[in-house]
């Protein structure tokens, strides 16, 4: 199931870097998934790449014009998808100014001959703290729509004035990195 999720994210990234519909998993912590797939076919005219993962799952993806180095892709190339979510950069009481969030994702293209890059965004949400682990440091929260998310905390100082049961505003990041080798 995770491979389909990551492939879906890849498709969303390739079709439109303007997309803000990166889905929230039910339970996550730091790096959720790393999937590696091999390119087994390329239809250059239609800009469709067919990938196969280690379990033999095959998925064909239409690659949008945003991928400017499409012609550098070759059958046999390995594509790695690394999806990371929930690194908390700010945890504050509601109504307190926290770190700024961005409305739409940003795209940073990788250097080199092969296509690749990272699409990321920063979000702010009102959540209830259900657990705190100062050793990691991490916090587990329940979102307003009932999802439970465990996220690493970038600065342990963000945990100083919060406790289990508090409703807080958390600013966190999501990122999808795609590399081709």
Protein backbone atom coordinates (compact mmCIF):
# COMPACT_ATOMS: atom_id res chain seq x y z
CA UNK A 1 0.00 0.00 0.00
CA UNK A 2 2.82 2.45 0.77
CA UNK A 3 4.25 2.04 -2.73
CA UNK A 4 0.94 3.06 -4.28
CA UNK A 5 0.79 6.09 -1.97
CA UNK A 6 4.29 7.18 -2.91
CA UNK A 7 3.69 6.52 -6.62
CA UNK A 8 0.53 8.62 -6.31
CA UNK A 9 2.54 11.42 -4.76
CA UNK A 10 5.10 11.11 -7.53
CA UNK A 11 2.33 11.39 -10.09
CA UNK A 12 0.92 14.46 -8.36
CA UNK A 13 4.35 16.07 -8.28
CA UNK A 14 5.09 15.32 -11.91
CA UNK A 15 1.70 16.45 -13.19
CA UNK A 16 1.54 19.69 -11.26
CA UNK A 17 3.99 21.27 -8.88
CA UNK A 18 1.13 23.61 -7.93
CA UNK A 19 -0.77 20.75 -6.23
CA UNK A 20 -1.47 21.15 -2.53
CA UNK A 21 -3.33 17.89 -2.08
CA UNK A 22 -0.57 15.82 -0.50
CA UNK A 23 -2.55 13.32 1.55
CA UNK A 24 -2.17 12.86 5.28
CA UNK A 25 -1.58 9.31 6.44
CA UNK A 26 -3.43 8.06 9.50
CA UNK A 27 -0.27 7.52 11.54
CA UNK A 28 3.18 8.72 10.66
CA UNK A 29 6.59 9.43 12.10
CA UNK A 30 9.48 11.21 10.42
CA UNK A 31 10.43 9.38 7.25
CA UNK A 32 7.37 7.36 6.34
CA UNK A 33 8.45 5.63 3.19
CA UNK A 34 11.34 5.08 0.86
CA UNK A 35 10.50 3.23 -2.33
CA UNK A 36 12.87 2.30 -5.10
CA UNK A 37 11.64 1.33 -8.54
CA UNK A 38 13.27 0.51 -11.86
CA UNK A 39 12.21 2.12 -15.11
CA UNK A 40 11.10 -0.76 -17.35
CA UNK A 41 9.59 1.22 -20.23
CA UNK A 42 9.43 4.79 -21.52
CA UNK A 43 6.95 6.18 -24.04
CA UNK A 44 8.70 9.41 -24.99
CA UNK A 45 5.90 10.71 -27.24
CA UNK A 46 3.25 10.35 -24.52
CA UNK A 47 5.77 11.12 -21.71
CA UNK A 48 4.80 7.94 -19.84
CA UNK A 49 7.29 6.11 -17.62
CA UNK A 50 6.58 2.57 -16.45
CA UNK A 51 8.14 1.63 -13.11
CA UNK A 52 8.49 -1.69 -11.32
CA UNK A 53 9.29 -1.96 -7.61
CA UNK A 54 11.14 -4.78 -5.81
CA UNK A 55 7.86 -6.65 -5.19
CA UNK A 56 7.06 -6.67 -8.91
CA UNK A 57 4.34 -4.01 -8.72
CA UNK A 58 4.15 -2.03 -11.96
CA UNK A 59 2.83 1.50 -12.35
CA UNK A 60 2.78 3.72 -15.45
CA UNK A 61 3.00 7.44 -14.81
CA UNK A 62 2.47 10.40 -17.10
CA UNK A 63 5.30 12.86 -16.59
CA UNK A 64 4.36 16.50 -17.02
CA UNK A 65 6.35 19.23 -18.73
CA UNK A 66 7.69 20.38 -15.34
CA UNK A 67 10.24 17.56 -15.65
CA UNK A 68 12.65 19.36 -17.95
CA UNK A 69 15.21 16.54 -18.11
CA UNK A 70 12.71 13.87 -19.20
CA UNK A 71 14.91 12.89 -22.17
CA UNK A 72 17.69 11.91 -19.73
CA UNK A 73 15.56 9.02 -18.38
CA UNK A 74 16.60 5.57 -19.61
CA UNK A 75 15.14 2.08 -19.25
CA UNK A 76 17.03 0.47 -16.37
CA UNK A 77 17.40 3.70 -14.37
CA UNK A 78 16.56 3.41 -10.69
CA UNK A 79 14.11 5.93 -9.24
CA UNK A 80 14.02 6.48 -5.48
CA UNK A 81 11.09 8.19 -3.77
CA UNK A 82 11.63 9.36 -0.19
CA UNK A 83 8.58 10.78 1.54
CA UNK A 84 9.09 12.57 4.85
CA UNK A 85 6.37 14.11 6.90
CA UNK A 86 5.82 15.61 10.26
CA UNK A 87 8.94 17.40 11.40
CA UNK A 88 7.57 19.97 13.84
CA UNK A 89 9.22 23.38 13.70
CA UNK A 90 6.90 25.18 16.07
CA UNK A 91 4.49 24.21 18.84
CA UNK A 92 2.63 27.12 20.42
CA UNK A 93 -0.59 27.77 22.28
CA UNK A 94 -3.49 28.84 20.00
CA UNK A 95 -3.43 32.56 19.25
CA UNK A 96 0.34 32.79 19.71
CA UNK A 97 2.40 33.60 16.63
CA UNK A 98 4.37 30.59 15.45
CA UNK A 99 6.52 29.93 12.41
CA UNK A 100 4.98 30.88 9.08
CA UNK A 101 3.42 28.23 6.88
CA UNK A 102 3.35 28.27 3.10
CA UNK A 103 0.15 27.96 1.12
CA UNK A 104 1.62 25.98 -1.75
CA UNK A 105 4.49 23.54 -2.18
CA UNK A 106 7.93 24.63 -3.30
CA UNK A 107 10.02 22.71 -5.79
CA UNK A 108 13.80 22.50 -5.66
CA UNK A 109 15.29 20.74 -8.66
CA UNK A 110 18.35 18.55 -8.20
CA UNK A 111 21.64 19.18 -9.99
CA UNK A 112 22.94 16.76 -12.60
CA UNK A 113 21.91 15.15 -15.84
CA UNK A 114 19.01 13.07 -14.49
CA UNK A 115 15.71 14.59 -13.36
CA UNK A 116 14.98 14.81 -9.67
CA UNK A 117 14.24 17.18 -6.86
CA UNK A 118 12.31 17.83 -3.71
CA UNK A 119 8.82 19.20 -3.34
CA UNK A 120 8.02 20.42 0.15
CA UNK A 121 5.55 22.48 2.08
CA UNK A 122 5.07 23.78 5.59
CA UNK A 123 1.65 23.51 7.23
CA UNK A 124 0.05 24.77 10.42
CA UNK A 125 -2.68 22.82 12.22
CA UNK A 126 -4.60 22.96 15.48
CA UNK A 127 -4.03 19.64 17.30
CA UNK A 128 -4.28 18.00 20.72
CA UNK A 129 -1.13 16.52 22.24
CA UNK A 130 -1.58 12.85 23.19
CA UNK A 131 2.06 11.96 24.01
CA UNK A 132 5.44 13.63 24.38
CA UNK A 133 8.82 11.88 24.11
CA UNK A 134 11.53 14.37 25.11
CA UNK A 135 14.27 11.81 24.44
CA UNK A 136 13.67 11.69 20.66
CA UNK A 137 12.32 14.53 20.82
CA UNK A 138 8.86 13.88 19.36
CA UNK A 139 5.22 14.59 19.99
CA UNK A 140 2.13 12.57 19.13
CA UNK A 141 -0.93 14.62 18.28
CA UNK A 142 -4.54 14.08 17.31
CA UNK A 143 -5.76 16.27 14.46
CA UNK A 144 -9.18 17.87 14.31
CA UNK A 145 -10.27 15.22 11.79
CA UNK A 146 -9.23 12.39 14.12
CA UNK A 147 -5.85 11.37 12.64
CA UNK A 148 -3.00 10.51 14.98
CA UNK A 149 0.42 11.71 13.88
CA UNK A 150 3.77 11.29 15.62
CA UNK A 151 6.26 13.90 14.54
CA UNK A 152 9.86 14.60 15.31
CA UNK A 153 10.42 17.98 16.92
CA UNK A 154 13.20 20.07 15.35
CA UNK A 155 13.95 22.03 18.54
CA UNK A 156 13.44 20.37 21.94
CA UNK A 157 12.70 23.82 23.40
CA UNK A 158 9.30 23.65 21.64
CA UNK A 159 8.26 21.03 24.21
CA UNK A 160 9.07 23.19 27.25
CA UNK A 161 5.65 24.76 27.77
CA UNK A 162 3.30 22.01 26.58
CA UNK A 163 1.85 18.90 28.17
CA UNK A 164 -0.36 15.96 27.19
CA UNK A 165 -3.94 17.15 26.70
CA UNK A 166 -2.97 20.65 25.52
CA UNK A 167 -4.51 21.96 22.32
CA UNK A 168 -1.71 23.64 20.38
CA UNK A 169 -0.90 25.08 17.00
CA UNK A 170 1.84 23.02 15.38
CA UNK A 171 3.82 24.05 12.31
CA UNK A 172 5.33 21.08 10.49
CA UNK A 173 6.84 20.13 7.16
CA UNK A 174 6.24 17.51 4.48
CA UNK A 175 8.70 16.64 1.71
CA UNK A 176 8.93 14.25 -1.23
CA UNK A 177 12.37 13.73 -2.75
CA UNK A 178 12.75 11.96 -6.07
CA UNK A 179 16.14 10.92 -7.40
CA UNK A 180 17.11 9.00 -10.53
CA UNK A 181 20.31 6.97 -10.89
